[in-house]
Amino acid sequence: MSSRISFIYQDKIFSYTNFYERLRGESAPYYRLDFSVRQKLPWKGFELLLNISNLTSTIEKDINIATGYSMKEQYYGVTADIGLRYRL
């Protein structure tokens, strides 16, 4: 069996330009936690896979630099994939 936990962090990525500085935007602090596991099965070449993304259910936001108010929000929620793999 093998497993992996990954952590993603990003902050202050310039996202909106405007002649007026008060109308410019950047990304708000964003972090996400993902988990992946793979288990070999007793049959030759078969593996069971599980991937879970965004365990923290974090919302991705762009904010106005001057006011700090949200300009755009994207919510992806938690997603999961399960699969069976056969290697030749």
C-alpha atoms as a PDB file:
ATOM      1  CA  MET A   1       0.000   0.000   0.000  1.00  0.00           C
ATOM      2  CA  SER A   2       1.156   3.533  -0.690  1.00  0.00           C
ATOM      3  CA  SER A   3      -0.460   6.812   0.292  1.00  0.00           C
ATOM      4  CA  ARG A   4       0.225  10.493  -0.140  1.00  0.00           C
ATOM      5  CA  ILE A   5      -1.009  13.703   1.467  1.00  0.00           C
ATOM      6  CA  SER A   6      -0.379  16.951  -0.380  1.00  0.00           C
ATOM      7  CA  PHE A   7      -0.793  20.528   0.806  1.00  0.00           C
ATOM      8  CA  ILE A   8      -1.256  23.437  -1.618  1.00  0.00           C
ATOM      9  CA  TYR A   9      -0.913  27.088  -0.548  1.00  0.00           C
ATOM     10  CA  GLN A  10      -1.106  30.264  -2.609  1.00  0.00           C
ATOM     11  CA  ASP A  11      -1.534  33.910  -1.704  1.00  0.00           C
ATOM     12  CA  LYS A  12      -1.552  37.364  -3.321  1.00  0.00           C
ATOM     13  CA  ILE A  13      -1.550  36.367  -6.970  1.00  0.00           C
ATOM     14  CA  PHE A  14      -2.374  39.454  -9.041  1.00  0.00           C
ATOM     15  CA  SER A  15      -5.656  38.713 -10.836  1.00  0.00           C
ATOM     16  CA  TYR A  16      -7.363  41.963 -11.947  1.00  0.00           C
ATOM     17  CA  THR A  17      -5.789  45.035 -13.478  1.00  0.00           C
ATOM     18  CA  ASN A  18      -7.341  48.467 -13.750  1.00  0.00           C
ATOM     19  CA  PHE A  19      -6.184  52.024 -14.351  1.00  0.00           C
ATOM     20  CA  TYR A  20      -7.552  52.890 -10.898  1.00  0.00           C
ATOM     21  CA  GLU A  21      -5.527  51.188  -8.189  1.00  0.00           C
ATOM     22  CA  ARG A  22      -8.573  50.847  -5.918  1.00  0.00           C
ATOM     23  CA  LEU A  23     -10.218  48.554  -8.497  1.00  0.00           C
ATOM     24  CA  ARG A  24      -7.332  46.054  -8.779  1.00  0.00           C
ATOM     25  CA  GLY A  25      -7.624  42.546  -7.431  1.00  0.00           C
ATOM     26  CA  GLU A  26      -5.528  39.676  -6.114  1.00  0.00           C
ATOM     27  CA  SER A  27      -6.141  36.198  -4.758  1.00  0.00           C
ATOM     28  CA  ALA A  28      -6.934  35.745  -1.077  1.00  0.00           C
ATOM     29  CA  PRO A  29      -4.915  33.212   0.943  1.00  0.00           C
ATOM     30  CA  TYR A  30      -5.876  29.731  -0.260  1.00  0.00           C
ATOM     31  CA  TYR A  31      -4.837  26.332   0.991  1.00  0.00           C
ATOM     32  CA  ARG A  32      -6.018  22.861   0.124  1.00  0.00           C
ATOM     33  CA  LEU A  33      -5.347  19.353   1.381  1.00  0.00           C
ATOM     34  CA  ASP A  34      -5.484  16.295  -0.910  1.00  0.00           C
ATOM     35  CA  PHE A  35      -5.156  12.589  -0.114  1.00  0.00           C
ATOM     36  CA  SER A  36      -4.315   9.645  -2.354  1.00  0.00           C
ATOM     37  CA  VAL A  37      -3.964   5.927  -1.639  1.00  0.00           C
ATOM     38  CA  ARG A  38      -3.127   2.892  -3.783  1.00  0.00           C
ATOM     39  CA  GLN A  39      -3.421  -0.748  -2.717  1.00  0.00           C
ATOM     40  CA  LYS A  40      -2.180  -3.736  -4.697  1.00  0.00           C
ATOM     41  CA  LEU A  41      -4.744  -6.534  -4.845  1.00  0.00           C
ATOM     42  CA  PRO A  42      -3.959 -10.263  -4.559  1.00  0.00           C
ATOM     43  CA  TRP A  43      -4.573 -10.789  -8.296  1.00  0.00           C
ATOM     44  CA  LYS A  44      -1.592 -10.177 -10.550  1.00  0.00           C
ATOM     45  CA  GLY A  45      -1.565  -6.667 -12.012  1.00  0.00           C
ATOM     46  CA  PHE A  46      -4.634  -5.307 -10.155  1.00  0.00           C
ATOM     47  CA  GLU A  47      -4.615  -2.217  -7.923  1.00  0.00           C
ATOM     48  CA  LEU A  48      -7.310  -0.283  -6.097  1.00  0.00           C
ATOM     49  CA  LEU A  49      -7.000   3.545  -6.204  1.00  0.00           C
ATOM     50  CA  LEU A  50      -8.606   6.303  -4.135  1.00  0.00           C
ATOM     51  CA  ASN A  51      -8.080  10.065  -4.571  1.00  0.00           C
ATOM     52  CA  ILE A  52      -9.771  12.692  -2.392  1.00  0.00           C
ATOM     53  CA  SER A  53      -9.297  16.360  -3.290  1.00  0.00           C
ATOM     54  CA  ASN A  54      -9.930  19.531  -1.263  1.00  0.00           C
ATOM     55  CA  LEU A  55     -10.477  17.857   2.109  1.00  0.00           C
ATOM     56  CA  THR A  56     -10.666  21.305   3.701  1.00  0.00           C
ATOM     57  CA  SER A  57     -13.520  22.483   1.374  1.00  0.00           C
ATOM     58  CA  THR A  58     -11.690  25.779   0.897  1.00  0.00           C
ATOM     59  CA  ILE A  59     -13.278  28.507  -1.232  1.00  0.00           C
ATOM     60  CA  GLU A  60     -10.978  30.150  -3.779  1.00  0.00           C
ATOM     61  CA  LYS A  61     -11.444  33.951  -3.724  1.00  0.00           C
ATOM     62  CA  ASP A  62     -10.188  37.042  -5.523  1.00  0.00           C
ATOM     63  CA  ILE A  63     -10.368  40.204  -3.419  1.00  0.00           C
ATOM     64  CA  ASN A  64     -10.237  43.931  -4.078  1.00  0.00           C
ATOM     65  CA  ILE A  65      -6.777  45.165  -3.017  1.00  0.00           C
ATOM     66  CA  ALA A  66      -8.071  48.474  -1.605  1.00  0.00           C
ATOM     67  CA  THR A  67     -11.142  47.280   0.301  1.00  0.00           C
ATOM     68  CA  GLY A  68     -10.527  43.576   0.951  1.00  0.00           C
ATOM     69  CA  TYR A  69     -14.015  42.721  -0.306  1.00  0.00           C
ATOM     70  CA  SER A  70     -14.561  39.643  -2.439  1.00  0.00           C
ATOM     71  CA  MET A  71     -14.603  40.150  -6.227  1.00  0.00           C
ATOM     72  CA  LYS A  72     -15.011  36.516  -7.246  1.00  0.00           C
ATOM     73  CA  GLU A  73     -15.479  33.217  -5.409  1.00  0.00           C
ATOM     74  CA  GLN A  74     -15.173  29.645  -6.663  1.00  0.00           C
ATOM     75  CA  TYR A  75     -16.325  26.717  -4.567  1.00  0.00           C
ATOM     76  CA  TYR A  76     -15.294  23.237  -5.681  1.00  0.00           C
ATOM     77  CA  GLY A  77     -16.129  21.233  -2.557  1.00  0.00           C
ATOM     78  CA  VAL A  78     -14.662  17.838  -1.753  1.00  0.00           C
ATOM     79  CA  THR A  79     -14.290  15.428  -4.661  1.00  0.00           C
ATOM     80  CA  ALA A  80     -13.361  11.752  -4.640  1.00  0.00           C
ATOM     81  CA  ASP A  81     -12.343   9.256  -7.299  1.00  0.00           C
ATOM     82  CA  ILE A  82     -12.135   5.529  -6.859  1.00  0.00           C
ATOM     83  CA  GLY A  83     -10.766   3.167  -9.463  1.00  0.00           C
ATOM     84  CA  LEU A  84      -9.451  -0.230 -10.338  1.00  0.00           C
ATOM     85  CA  ARG A  85      -6.250  -0.489 -12.377  1.00  0.00           C
ATOM     86  CA  TYR A  86      -4.859  -3.425 -14.297  1.00  0.00           C
ATOM     87  CA  ARG A  87      -1.233  -3.288 -15.451  1.00  0.00           C
ATOM     88  CA  LEU A  88      -0.084  -5.565 -18.233  1.00  0.00           C
END
